[in-house]
């Protein structure tokens, strides 16, 4: 028998509220299954099981707020677990983000490193509506998930004004798809959490900063040639190329990929690259592309599209928010040349990428226009130094000069 505990979804989280129980007692559980959803000041996060077994009972009721580490459910790990059925892969959205990474608004998530605005999506169509009556009580009854009710309250949505459809339940995705002029939720709690995390980072982590101009002409030509005959939704984006280059570079310089905890740096065997995203209404989030090491640009692009699709549904996985080992913050098309990030603990590095634009450069003794961008590195002096930081940036640069080998 194993206890399923309230997880820590960030260095600044001390408690969470269980808002959804996605499995009933007696249901089989497989490692990686989402069994519930937890809400903190950061938003609603899906939590996953780490063992196979059978969920025997819930120890925490929906709506209960409990500290991190509190047992929430019991899983019989010695019980026979039927094989997990194969699920068809959902189709990826056709409207992939046009820039690196362009991610629409999710619900507020854990405070993350300083980052740049990311273009937001058009609202999705409204979803299910509220059934008009409760046949048992003969009066109107709201069929809505706890997570959707909380989101509606934060957005000041008038649920009583919605039309009704029998036998359907309002979900968070439906609330996200309502009137785009709805008053956005206050960002006070999110800003306070970000301020606390970033203050801790600047206070405890000895940052150092480096900057390097990278010629992106080869990468730009590679993308143009690759995307020439592809449909819009099938094209590679710069995000995939840069992500691959970073994942390759940390193989040689592992001191930038991992976590600093308990007074020591532990390099990570996996590369989980966080993508810093600006949330409409205020706030930042950097969900990770898990296990990015060795991915091709096409596979990396698929991961990015999948992440974008789930961001749009407001459904992050706990691992994506807690397991990032290094972060990329891109200015996208905002027109700013440089960004110097603040490291999100327990990570030890964050890479910033300025807006790609034509710059005059000398090639073969002549001044010529080249597509280039300023890449920066903020790193933890306890895990690395300026010498290795410079070599790390140069390694990323080298991979971007040979995009066909990624």
Protein backbone atom coordinates (compact mmCIF):
# COMPACT_ATOMS: atom_id res chain seq x y z
CA UNK A 1 0.00 0.00 0.00
CA UNK A 2 1.32 3.44 -0.94
CA UNK A 3 0.22 6.96 -0.03
CA UNK A 4 -0.35 9.48 -2.82
CA UNK A 5 0.82 12.81 -1.39
CA UNK A 6 -0.05 16.42 -2.17
CA UNK A 7 2.82 17.23 -4.56
CA UNK A 8 5.05 20.28 -4.50
CA UNK A 9 4.45 22.13 -7.77
CA UNK A 10 7.07 24.78 -7.26
CA UNK A 11 9.67 25.99 -4.81
CA UNK A 12 7.21 28.50 -3.34
CA UNK A 13 4.20 26.18 -2.93
CA UNK A 14 3.23 25.17 0.61
CA UNK A 15 -0.38 23.97 0.17
CA UNK A 16 -2.94 23.04 -2.46
CA UNK A 17 -6.67 22.41 -2.84
CA UNK A 18 -7.97 19.18 -4.37
CA UNK A 19 -10.53 20.28 -7.00
CA UNK A 20 -11.02 17.12 -9.06
CA UNK A 21 -10.90 13.38 -8.38
CA UNK A 22 -10.51 11.83 -11.83
CA UNK A 23 -10.45 8.21 -10.66
CA UNK A 24 -12.96 6.51 -8.39
CA UNK A 25 -12.00 4.09 -5.61
CA UNK A 26 -11.36 0.65 -7.10
CA UNK A 27 -10.03 2.03 -10.40
CA UNK A 28 -6.71 0.68 -11.73
CA UNK A 29 -3.82 3.15 -11.75
CA UNK A 30 -0.83 3.12 -14.09
CA UNK A 31 2.35 5.10 -13.71
CA UNK A 32 1.84 8.49 -15.38
CA UNK A 33 -1.97 8.41 -15.11
CA UNK A 34 -3.59 11.70 -14.13
CA UNK A 35 -5.67 10.88 -11.07
CA UNK A 36 -6.72 14.34 -9.93
CA UNK A 37 -6.33 18.10 -10.19
CA UNK A 38 -4.92 20.46 -7.58
CA UNK A 39 -5.42 24.19 -7.36
CA UNK A 40 -2.99 26.63 -5.79
CA UNK A 41 -2.58 30.36 -6.19
CA UNK A 42 -0.86 29.38 -9.43
CA UNK A 43 -3.81 27.65 -11.07
CA UNK A 44 -5.20 24.15 -11.60
CA UNK A 45 -2.55 21.47 -12.18
CA UNK A 46 -3.07 17.83 -13.12
CA UNK A 47 -1.29 15.42 -10.76
CA UNK A 48 0.02 12.04 -11.87
CA UNK A 49 0.57 8.69 -10.19
CA UNK A 50 4.12 7.36 -9.97
CA UNK A 51 3.24 3.70 -9.36
CA UNK A 52 1.02 0.98 -10.75
CA UNK A 53 -1.77 -0.36 -8.58
CA UNK A 54 -5.39 0.21 -7.63
CA UNK A 55 -6.74 3.39 -6.05
CA UNK A 56 -8.43 2.12 -2.88
CA UNK A 57 -9.68 5.36 -1.34
CA UNK A 58 -9.48 9.14 -1.34
CA UNK A 59 -8.33 10.63 1.96
CA UNK A 60 -9.02 14.26 1.03
CA UNK A 61 -12.41 15.59 -0.05
CA UNK A 62 -12.87 17.86 -3.06
CA UNK A 63 -12.47 21.47 -1.97
CA UNK A 64 -10.11 20.63 0.92
CA UNK A 65 -6.89 22.63 1.18
CA UNK A 66 -3.99 20.67 2.64
CA UNK A 67 -0.22 21.22 3.03
CA UNK A 68 2.34 19.79 0.63
CA UNK A 69 3.14 16.21 1.62
CA UNK A 70 -0.33 15.44 2.99
CA UNK A 71 -1.62 11.97 1.98
CA UNK A 72 -4.50 12.49 -0.47
CA UNK A 73 -5.24 8.92 -1.58
CA UNK A 74 -4.19 5.34 -1.01
CA UNK A 75 -2.92 3.14 -3.84
CA UNK A 76 -2.62 -0.62 -3.42
CA UNK A 77 0.67 -1.21 -5.21
CA UNK A 78 0.57 -4.94 -4.56
CA UNK A 79 -2.78 -5.32 -6.34
CA UNK A 80 -2.96 -6.81 -9.82
CA UNK A 81 -3.19 -3.99 -12.35
CA UNK A 82 -4.68 -4.73 -15.77
CA UNK A 83 -2.56 -3.65 -18.76
CA UNK A 84 -3.09 -0.06 -19.73
CA UNK A 85 -5.13 0.13 -22.95
CA UNK A 86 -3.48 1.92 -25.83
CA UNK A 87 -5.05 5.27 -26.51
CA UNK A 88 -5.12 6.86 -29.96
CA UNK A 89 -3.03 9.98 -30.17
CA UNK A 90 -5.14 13.14 -30.47
CA UNK A 91 -4.68 15.23 -33.54
CA UNK A 92 -2.55 18.27 -33.02
CA UNK A 93 -4.11 21.69 -33.54
CA UNK A 94 -3.87 23.08 -37.04
CA UNK A 95 -3.10 26.59 -35.79
CA UNK A 96 0.41 26.03 -34.46
CA UNK A 97 2.12 28.98 -32.83
CA UNK A 98 3.70 31.32 -35.40
CA UNK A 99 6.69 32.26 -33.24
CA UNK A 100 8.94 30.69 -30.63
CA UNK A 101 7.07 29.58 -28.60
CA UNK A 102 3.75 31.35 -29.20
CA UNK A 103 1.47 29.98 -26.50
CA UNK A 104 -2.01 31.12 -25.68
CA UNK A 105 -3.37 31.87 -22.28
CA UNK A 106 -3.76 29.07 -19.78
CA UNK A 107 -4.99 29.55 -16.25
CA UNK A 108 -2.32 31.12 -13.99
CA UNK A 109 0.47 28.70 -13.21
CA UNK A 110 3.54 28.59 -10.96
CA UNK A 111 5.78 31.67 -10.93
CA UNK A 112 8.51 31.32 -13.49
CA UNK A 113 11.56 33.23 -14.71
CA UNK A 114 11.35 36.61 -16.34
CA UNK A 115 10.12 36.17 -19.84
CA UNK A 116 8.65 37.86 -22.81
CA UNK A 117 5.16 38.44 -24.06
CA UNK A 118 3.83 35.58 -26.15
CA UNK A 119 1.09 36.10 -28.69
CA UNK A 120 -2.27 34.93 -27.38
CA UNK A 121 -4.88 32.91 -29.21
CA UNK A 122 -8.39 33.66 -30.27
CA UNK A 123 -10.93 32.31 -27.78
CA UNK A 124 -12.24 28.83 -28.41
CA UNK A 125 -15.97 28.40 -29.07
CA UNK A 126 -18.23 28.13 -26.02
CA UNK A 127 -18.71 24.59 -24.79
CA UNK A 128 -21.49 22.74 -23.00
CA UNK A 129 -24.16 24.66 -21.17
CA UNK A 130 -26.11 24.20 -17.95
CA UNK A 131 -29.03 21.79 -17.68
CA UNK A 132 -32.23 23.63 -16.81
CA UNK A 133 -33.57 21.50 -14.02
CA UNK A 134 -32.72 18.85 -11.50
CA UNK A 135 -35.28 16.04 -12.00
CA UNK A 136 -34.84 15.01 -8.37
CA UNK A 137 -35.43 18.42 -6.86
CA UNK A 138 -37.53 20.11 -9.53
CA UNK A 139 -35.39 23.23 -9.56
CA UNK A 140 -32.46 24.62 -11.48
CA UNK A 141 -29.20 22.88 -10.65
CA UNK A 142 -25.75 23.81 -11.86
CA UNK A 143 -23.78 20.93 -13.38
CA UNK A 144 -20.21 22.19 -13.27
CA UNK A 145 -16.87 20.78 -12.19
CA UNK A 146 -15.26 22.33 -9.10
CA UNK A 147 -12.34 23.58 -11.16
CA UNK A 148 -14.68 25.27 -13.64
CA UNK A 149 -16.66 26.88 -10.80
CA UNK A 150 -13.51 28.37 -9.31
CA UNK A 151 -12.31 29.66 -12.68
CA UNK A 152 -15.74 31.18 -13.34
CA UNK A 153 -15.60 32.98 -10.01
CA UNK A 154 -12.16 34.41 -10.74
CA UNK A 155 -13.33 35.60 -14.16
CA UNK A 156 -16.58 37.03 -12.83
CA UNK A 157 -18.61 34.85 -15.21
CA UNK A 158 -22.38 35.00 -14.64
CA UNK A 159 -23.25 31.30 -14.82
CA UNK A 160 -26.96 31.95 -14.43
CA UNK A 161 -26.98 33.76 -17.77
CA UNK A 162 -25.83 30.69 -19.73
CA UNK A 163 -28.28 28.76 -21.87
CA UNK A 164 -28.91 25.16 -20.97
CA UNK A 165 -28.32 21.75 -22.54
CA UNK A 166 -29.54 18.64 -20.70
CA UNK A 167 -27.15 16.02 -19.31
CA UNK A 168 -23.95 18.00 -19.87
CA UNK A 169 -21.50 19.44 -17.38
CA UNK A 170 -19.59 22.72 -17.57
CA UNK A 171 -15.80 22.23 -17.57
CA UNK A 172 -12.85 24.60 -17.28
CA UNK A 173 -12.38 24.47 -21.06
CA UNK A 174 -15.95 25.75 -21.47
CA UNK A 175 -15.33 28.68 -19.14
CA UNK A 176 -12.14 29.53 -21.03
CA UNK A 177 -14.21 29.62 -24.22
CA UNK A 178 -16.74 32.15 -22.97
CA UNK A 179 -17.00 35.83 -23.89
CA UNK A 180 -13.46 37.13 -24.45
CA UNK A 181 -14.43 40.53 -23.01
CA UNK A 182 -15.14 38.90 -19.65
CA UNK A 183 -13.19 40.67 -16.94
CA UNK A 184 -9.87 38.84 -16.49
CA UNK A 185 -9.01 37.39 -13.10
CA UNK A 186 -6.99 39.61 -10.77
CA UNK A 187 -3.27 39.03 -11.10
CA UNK A 188 -2.46 40.10 -7.55
CA UNK A 189 -1.82 36.59 -6.20
CA UNK A 190 0.13 35.57 -9.30
CA UNK A 191 2.31 38.69 -9.16
CA UNK A 192 2.91 38.19 -5.45
CA UNK A 193 4.00 34.59 -6.06
CA UNK A 194 6.31 35.64 -8.91
CA UNK A 195 7.81 38.40 -6.76
CA UNK A 196 8.46 35.94 -3.94
CA UNK A 197 10.11 33.37 -6.22
CA UNK A 198 12.23 35.90 -8.10
CA UNK A 199 13.25 37.67 -4.88
CA UNK A 200 14.40 34.34 -3.49
CA UNK A 201 16.29 33.63 -6.72
CA UNK A 202 18.16 36.94 -6.72
CA UNK A 203 18.83 36.67 -2.99
CA UNK A 204 20.12 33.09 -2.94
CA UNK A 205 21.54 32.43 -6.41
CA UNK A 206 24.82 34.13 -7.42
CA UNK A 207 23.88 35.00 -10.99
CA UNK A 208 26.35 35.79 -13.72
CA UNK A 209 25.43 36.93 -17.22
CA UNK A 210 26.84 36.45 -20.72
CA UNK A 211 25.70 37.66 -24.14
CA UNK A 212 26.53 36.38 -27.63
CA UNK A 213 25.37 37.39 -31.12
CA UNK A 214 24.39 34.30 -33.10
CA UNK A 215 24.21 34.21 -36.90
CA UNK A 216 20.88 32.53 -37.71
CA UNK A 217 21.16 32.74 -41.49
CA UNK A 218 21.82 29.00 -41.90
CA UNK A 219 18.92 28.12 -39.59
CA UNK A 220 16.64 30.58 -41.41
CA UNK A 221 17.52 29.06 -44.80
CA UNK A 222 17.06 25.54 -43.45
CA UNK A 223 13.58 26.38 -42.18
CA UNK A 224 12.64 28.07 -45.46
CA UNK A 225 13.74 25.04 -47.48
CA UNK A 226 12.10 22.54 -45.12
CA UNK A 227 8.79 24.42 -45.01
CA UNK A 228 8.64 25.27 -48.72
CA UNK A 229 6.09 22.60 -49.68
CA UNK A 230 4.49 22.05 -46.27
CA UNK A 231 1.09 23.18 -45.10
CA UNK A 232 1.04 25.89 -42.45
CA UNK A 233 0.18 23.47 -39.66
CA UNK A 234 3.04 21.13 -40.64
CA UNK A 235 5.86 23.68 -40.74
CA UNK A 236 8.85 23.70 -38.46
CA UNK A 237 9.21 26.78 -36.27
CA UNK A 238 12.42 28.37 -34.99
CA UNK A 239 11.51 27.12 -31.50
CA UNK A 240 12.15 23.52 -32.58
CA UNK A 241 15.60 24.31 -34.00
CA UNK A 242 16.76 26.32 -30.99
CA UNK A 243 15.38 23.74 -28.55
CA UNK A 244 17.31 20.98 -30.35
CA UNK A 245 20.50 23.03 -30.31
CA UNK A 246 20.22 23.64 -26.56
CA UNK A 247 19.47 19.97 -25.86
CA UNK A 248 22.54 18.96 -27.87
CA UNK A 249 24.80 21.55 -26.22
CA UNK A 250 24.02 20.49 -22.64
CA UNK A 251 25.20 16.98 -23.46
CA UNK A 252 28.73 18.41 -23.51
CA UNK A 253 28.10 20.99 -20.76
CA UNK A 254 25.88 19.24 -18.19
CA UNK A 255 26.67 21.84 -15.52
CA UNK A 256 23.86 23.96 -16.96
CA UNK A 257 21.21 21.24 -16.88
CA UNK A 258 19.92 20.12 -13.50
CA UNK A 259 18.95 21.29 -10.03
CA UNK A 260 20.83 22.85 -7.13
CA UNK A 261 19.39 21.42 -3.91
CA UNK A 262 20.65 20.71 -0.39
CA UNK A 263 23.83 22.67 -0.99
CA UNK A 264 24.94 20.74 -4.07
CA UNK A 265 24.32 20.68 -7.82
CA UNK A 266 22.87 17.49 -9.30
CA UNK A 267 23.10 17.31 -13.10
CA UNK A 268 20.09 15.76 -14.80
CA UNK A 269 20.38 12.81 -17.15
CA UNK A 270 17.22 14.04 -18.91
CA UNK A 271 16.89 17.40 -20.65
CA UNK A 272 13.54 18.96 -19.77
CA UNK A 273 13.53 22.34 -21.48
CA UNK A 274 11.15 24.91 -20.00
CA UNK A 275 9.58 27.38 -22.45
CA UNK A 276 8.88 30.73 -20.80
CA UNK A 277 5.42 32.07 -21.68
CA UNK A 278 3.59 35.28 -20.83
CA UNK A 279 0.01 34.87 -19.63
CA UNK A 280 -2.62 37.41 -20.63
CA UNK A 281 -3.73 39.40 -17.61
CA UNK A 282 -0.34 39.08 -15.94
CA UNK A 283 1.90 36.23 -14.89
CA UNK A 284 4.44 33.82 -16.30
CA UNK A 285 4.65 30.08 -16.82
CA UNK A 286 7.40 27.84 -18.18
CA UNK A 287 6.14 24.29 -18.78
CA UNK A 288 8.81 21.84 -19.88
CA UNK A 289 9.37 19.81 -23.01
CA UNK A 290 10.16 16.62 -21.14
CA UNK A 291 12.98 14.31 -22.26
CA UNK A 292 14.12 16.60 -25.07
CA UNK A 293 17.55 14.99 -25.44
CA UNK A 294 18.13 13.42 -28.85
CA UNK A 295 14.89 14.70 -30.37
CA UNK A 296 14.84 15.62 -34.06
CA UNK A 297 13.41 19.02 -35.04
CA UNK A 298 10.25 17.28 -36.30
CA UNK A 299 9.77 15.41 -33.02
CA UNK A 300 10.54 18.55 -31.04
CA UNK A 301 7.95 20.44 -33.08
CA UNK A 302 5.39 17.74 -32.33
CA UNK A 303 6.11 18.10 -28.61
CA UNK A 304 5.72 21.87 -28.84
CA UNK A 305 2.40 21.55 -30.67
CA UNK A 306 1.14 19.05 -28.10
CA UNK A 307 2.18 21.34 -25.25
CA UNK A 308 0.45 24.28 -26.93
CA UNK A 309 -2.75 22.27 -27.34
CA UNK A 310 -2.83 21.39 -23.64
CA UNK A 311 -1.93 24.93 -22.62
CA UNK A 312 -4.96 26.11 -24.57
CA UNK A 313 -7.09 23.66 -22.63
CA UNK A 314 -5.52 24.90 -19.39
CA UNK A 315 -4.30 21.43 -18.47
CA UNK A 316 -0.68 21.18 -17.39
CA UNK A 317 0.92 18.12 -15.89
CA UNK A 318 2.67 18.45 -12.55
CA UNK A 319 5.93 17.11 -14.03
CA UNK A 320 5.93 19.76 -16.73
CA UNK A 321 5.92 22.46 -14.07
CA UNK A 322 8.32 20.91 -11.57
CA UNK A 323 10.82 18.94 -13.66
CA UNK A 324 12.25 21.62 -15.96
CA UNK A 325 16.06 21.43 -15.86
CA UNK A 326 16.88 24.53 -17.93
CA UNK A 327 14.68 27.27 -19.40
CA UNK A 328 14.49 29.17 -22.68
CA UNK A 329 12.92 32.64 -22.75
CA UNK A 330 12.27 34.08 -26.21
CA UNK A 331 11.23 37.58 -27.15
CA UNK A 332 9.33 36.25 -30.15
CA UNK A 333 8.25 39.05 -32.44
CA UNK A 334 8.20 41.76 -29.75
CA UNK A 335 11.16 43.56 -31.26
CA UNK A 336 13.49 43.59 -28.25
CA UNK A 337 17.13 42.76 -28.83
CA UNK A 338 18.10 41.23 -25.48
CA UNK A 339 16.54 39.59 -22.45
CA UNK A 340 18.38 38.67 -19.27
CA UNK A 341 16.35 36.16 -17.30
CA UNK A 342 16.19 35.39 -13.60
CA UNK A 343 16.91 31.73 -12.78
CA UNK A 344 13.95 29.80 -11.39
CA UNK A 345 15.18 27.63 -8.51
CA UNK A 346 16.21 24.89 -8.27
CA UNK A 347 17.37 25.27 -11.89
CA UNK A 348 20.81 26.75 -12.53
CA UNK A 349 20.47 28.43 -15.93
CA UNK A 350 18.10 30.32 -18.20
CA UNK A 351 18.76 31.21 -21.84
CA UNK A 352 17.32 34.35 -23.41
CA UNK A 353 16.87 34.91 -27.15
CA UNK A 354 16.29 38.31 -28.70
CA UNK A 355 14.28 39.05 -31.79
CA UNK A 356 15.96 37.76 -34.98
CA UNK A 357 16.61 40.58 -37.42
CA UNK A 358 19.05 41.57 -40.16
CA UNK A 359 22.40 42.74 -38.82
CA UNK A 360 25.48 43.93 -40.70
CA UNK A 361 28.24 41.31 -40.38
CA UNK A 362 31.60 40.78 -42.01
CA UNK A 363 31.86 37.68 -44.23
CA UNK A 364 34.85 37.09 -46.55
CA UNK A 365 36.07 40.62 -45.88
CA UNK A 366 32.77 42.24 -46.87
CA UNK A 367 29.96 43.73 -44.83
CA UNK A 368 26.79 41.80 -45.62
CA UNK A 369 23.30 41.57 -44.08
CA UNK A 370 22.80 38.43 -42.01
CA UNK A 371 19.83 37.18 -39.97
CA UNK A 372 21.04 37.18 -36.38
CA UNK A 373 19.85 37.43 -32.79
CA UNK A 374 21.38 38.11 -29.40
CA UNK A 375 21.45 35.07 -27.10
CA UNK A 376 22.05 35.56 -23.38
CA UNK A 377 22.80 33.23 -20.51
CA UNK A 378 22.03 33.77 -16.84
CA UNK A 379 23.70 31.01 -14.82
CA UNK A 380 24.36 29.99 -11.23
CA UNK A 381 27.98 30.55 -10.16
CA UNK A 382 27.71 27.63 -7.71
CA UNK A 383 27.34 25.21 -10.63
CA UNK A 384 29.41 26.85 -13.39
CA UNK A 385 31.54 29.85 -14.27
CA UNK A 386 31.95 32.35 -17.08
CA UNK A 387 34.48 30.19 -18.91
CA UNK A 388 32.15 27.20 -19.23
CA UNK A 389 29.23 29.56 -19.86
CA UNK A 390 31.00 31.06 -22.87
CA UNK A 391 31.78 27.60 -24.25
CA UNK A 392 28.15 26.58 -23.72
CA UNK A 393 26.84 29.54 -25.73
CA UNK A 394 29.36 28.82 -28.47
CA UNK A 395 28.24 25.18 -28.57
CA UNK A 396 24.63 26.27 -29.11
CA UNK A 397 25.85 28.64 -31.82
CA UNK A 398 27.77 25.83 -33.56
CA UNK A 399 24.71 23.57 -33.69
CA UNK A 400 22.62 26.40 -35.14
CA UNK A 401 25.16 26.80 -37.94
CA UNK A 402 24.55 23.15 -38.92
CA UNK A 403 20.75 22.77 -38.51
CA UNK A 404 20.62 19.82 -40.91
CA UNK A 405 22.62 17.75 -38.39
CA UNK A 406 20.22 18.33 -35.49
